[in-house]
Protein backbone atom coordinates (compact mmCIF):
# COMPACT_ATOMS: atom_id res chain seq x y z
CA MET A 1 82.31 120.30 111.04
CA ILE A 2 80.04 117.97 109.36
CA TYR A 3 79.22 118.31 105.77
CA TYR A 4 77.16 115.87 104.04
CA ALA A 5 77.09 113.94 107.32
CA CYS A 6 80.96 113.26 106.98
CA ASP A 7 82.66 114.55 109.89
CA ILE A 8 85.73 116.69 108.94
CA PRO A 9 87.55 117.84 112.67
CA GLU A 10 89.11 121.21 112.26
CA ASP A 11 91.60 120.52 114.89
CA LEU A 12 93.71 118.21 112.95
CA THR A 13 95.87 118.03 109.56
CA TYR A 14 94.84 116.65 106.36
CA ASP A 15 96.55 115.18 103.66
CA VAL A 16 93.34 115.67 101.14
CA GLU A 17 95.02 113.84 98.24
CA ARG A 18 95.43 110.55 100.26
CA ASP A 19 92.32 110.80 102.35
CA VAL A 20 94.11 111.17 105.57
CA TRP A 21 94.37 113.09 108.63
CA ILE A 22 97.13 113.66 111.04
CA ARG A 23 97.35 114.42 114.25
CA PHE A 24 100.91 115.51 115.51
CA GLU A 25 101.97 114.93 118.83
CA GLY A 26 105.70 115.75 119.71
CA ASP A 27 107.98 113.96 117.17
CA THR A 28 105.56 111.81 116.05
CA ALA A 29 102.32 111.80 113.81
CA VAL A 30 99.29 109.72 114.15
CA LEU A 31 97.54 108.95 110.98
CA GLY A 32 94.31 107.48 110.28
CA MET A 33 91.93 107.41 107.42
CA THR A 34 89.07 110.46 106.69
CA ASP A 35 85.48 109.94 107.60
CA ILE A 36 85.25 110.05 103.71
CA ALA A 37 88.15 107.59 102.97
CA GLN A 38 85.93 105.15 105.43
CA THR A 39 82.66 105.89 103.75
CA ARG A 40 84.54 105.21 100.03
CA CYS A 41 86.28 102.05 101.73
CA GLY A 42 83.09 100.66 102.71
CA LYS A 43 83.15 97.16 105.02
CA ILE A 44 86.59 96.83 105.56
CA THR A 45 87.98 92.81 105.32
CA ALA A 46 91.50 93.02 106.27
CA ILE A 47 94.56 95.49 106.73
CA SER A 48 98.41 95.23 106.26
CA PHE A 49 101.02 97.08 107.85
CA ARG A 50 104.56 97.70 106.53
CA ASP A 51 107.26 96.24 109.28
CA ILE A 52 107.56 98.28 112.56
CA GLY A 53 111.11 100.13 112.47
CA LYS A 54 110.87 100.60 108.64
CA LYS A 55 112.25 104.21 107.57
CA VAL A 56 109.53 105.20 104.66
CA VAL A 57 109.41 108.49 102.69
CA GLN A 58 106.24 110.59 102.46
CA GLY A 59 103.73 109.31 99.58
CA LYS A 60 104.83 105.43 100.01
CA VAL A 61 102.57 102.82 101.32
CA LEU A 62 102.34 102.46 105.17
CA ALA A 63 99.45 99.79 104.84
CA THR A 64 97.31 98.16 102.68
CA VAL A 65 93.49 98.62 103.37
CA GLU A 66 91.10 95.86 101.81
CA SER A 67 87.51 96.01 101.54
CA ALA A 68 84.44 94.47 99.08
CA LYS A 69 84.60 98.01 97.44
CA TRP A 70 88.56 98.81 96.93
CA VAL A 71 92.13 98.39 97.86
CA GLY A 72 93.80 101.29 99.43
CA TYR A 73 93.62 102.77 102.27
CA THR A 74 88.36 109.64 112.59
CA LYS A 75 87.90 107.84 115.67
CA GLY A 76 90.22 105.06 115.23
CA TRP A 77 93.76 105.59 113.70
CA LEU A 78 95.86 103.43 112.07
CA LEU A 79 99.41 104.36 112.36
CA ARG A 80 102.25 106.25 114.30
CA VAL A 81 105.16 107.61 112.22
CA ARG A 82 108.12 109.34 113.82
CA HIS A 83 109.02 112.28 111.32
CA THR A 84 112.30 113.48 110.40
CA SER A 85 111.90 116.17 107.96
CA LEU A 86 108.58 117.63 109.22
CA GLU A 87 108.54 121.64 107.76
CA THR A 88 110.10 120.42 104.48
CA GLU A 89 107.17 117.74 103.51
CA ARG A 90 104.24 119.48 105.26
CA ALA A 91 103.68 122.32 102.33
CA HIS A 92 100.56 120.20 100.94
CA LEU A 93 99.20 119.75 103.93
CA VAL A 94 95.82 121.74 105.24
CA THR A 95 94.01 122.27 108.42
CA GLY A 96 91.05 124.33 109.81
CA GLU A 97 89.23 126.27 107.21
CA ALA A 98 91.28 125.18 104.72
CA ALA A 99 90.73 121.96 105.06
CA VAL A 100 86.81 122.35 105.46
CA GLU A 101 86.80 123.59 102.23
CA LYS A 102 88.75 121.01 100.27
CA TYR A 103 86.87 118.40 101.84
CA LYS A 104 83.58 120.62 100.80
CA ALA A 105 84.74 120.20 97.23
CA ARG A 106 85.96 116.81 97.55
CA ILE A 107 82.77 115.41 98.98
CA GLN A 108 80.87 117.44 96.20
CA GLU A 109 82.97 116.16 93.37
CA LEU A 110 82.66 112.36 94.26
CA LYS A 111 79.26 112.72 95.71
CA ILE A 112 79.80 111.38 98.70
CA ASN A 113 77.30 111.10 101.49
CA CYS A 114 78.82 109.80 104.97
CA LEU A 115 75.30 108.96 106.23
CA ARG A 116 75.57 105.13 107.60
CA CYS A 117 72.58 103.18 108.74
CA ILE A 118 72.99 102.09 112.46
CA GLU A 119 72.65 98.58 113.29
């Protein structure tokens, strides 16, 4: 789904509050920045990751993305994690049409347009 030039693939799962997309692959999850997060970020200047093999809990920082606009964090992915308690931690995640509707509201609220100039 494209909304205000922002790509919101309906086959992914989203943590809308953190602007992260998730693709589940067996006992792992691949995570990346949504198109909305990338647009808000602008040009990335540096990324730092937590050490490989460290146990993390939901909501904790896994990577820090620095840009000219901010420090925080669809075609690229950033992290692959092994989930251990997915069923109890996925209540806030959304997929499909529900994700599209939440992102439509978020895009309007933040006044985002993902249209970029092509070099």
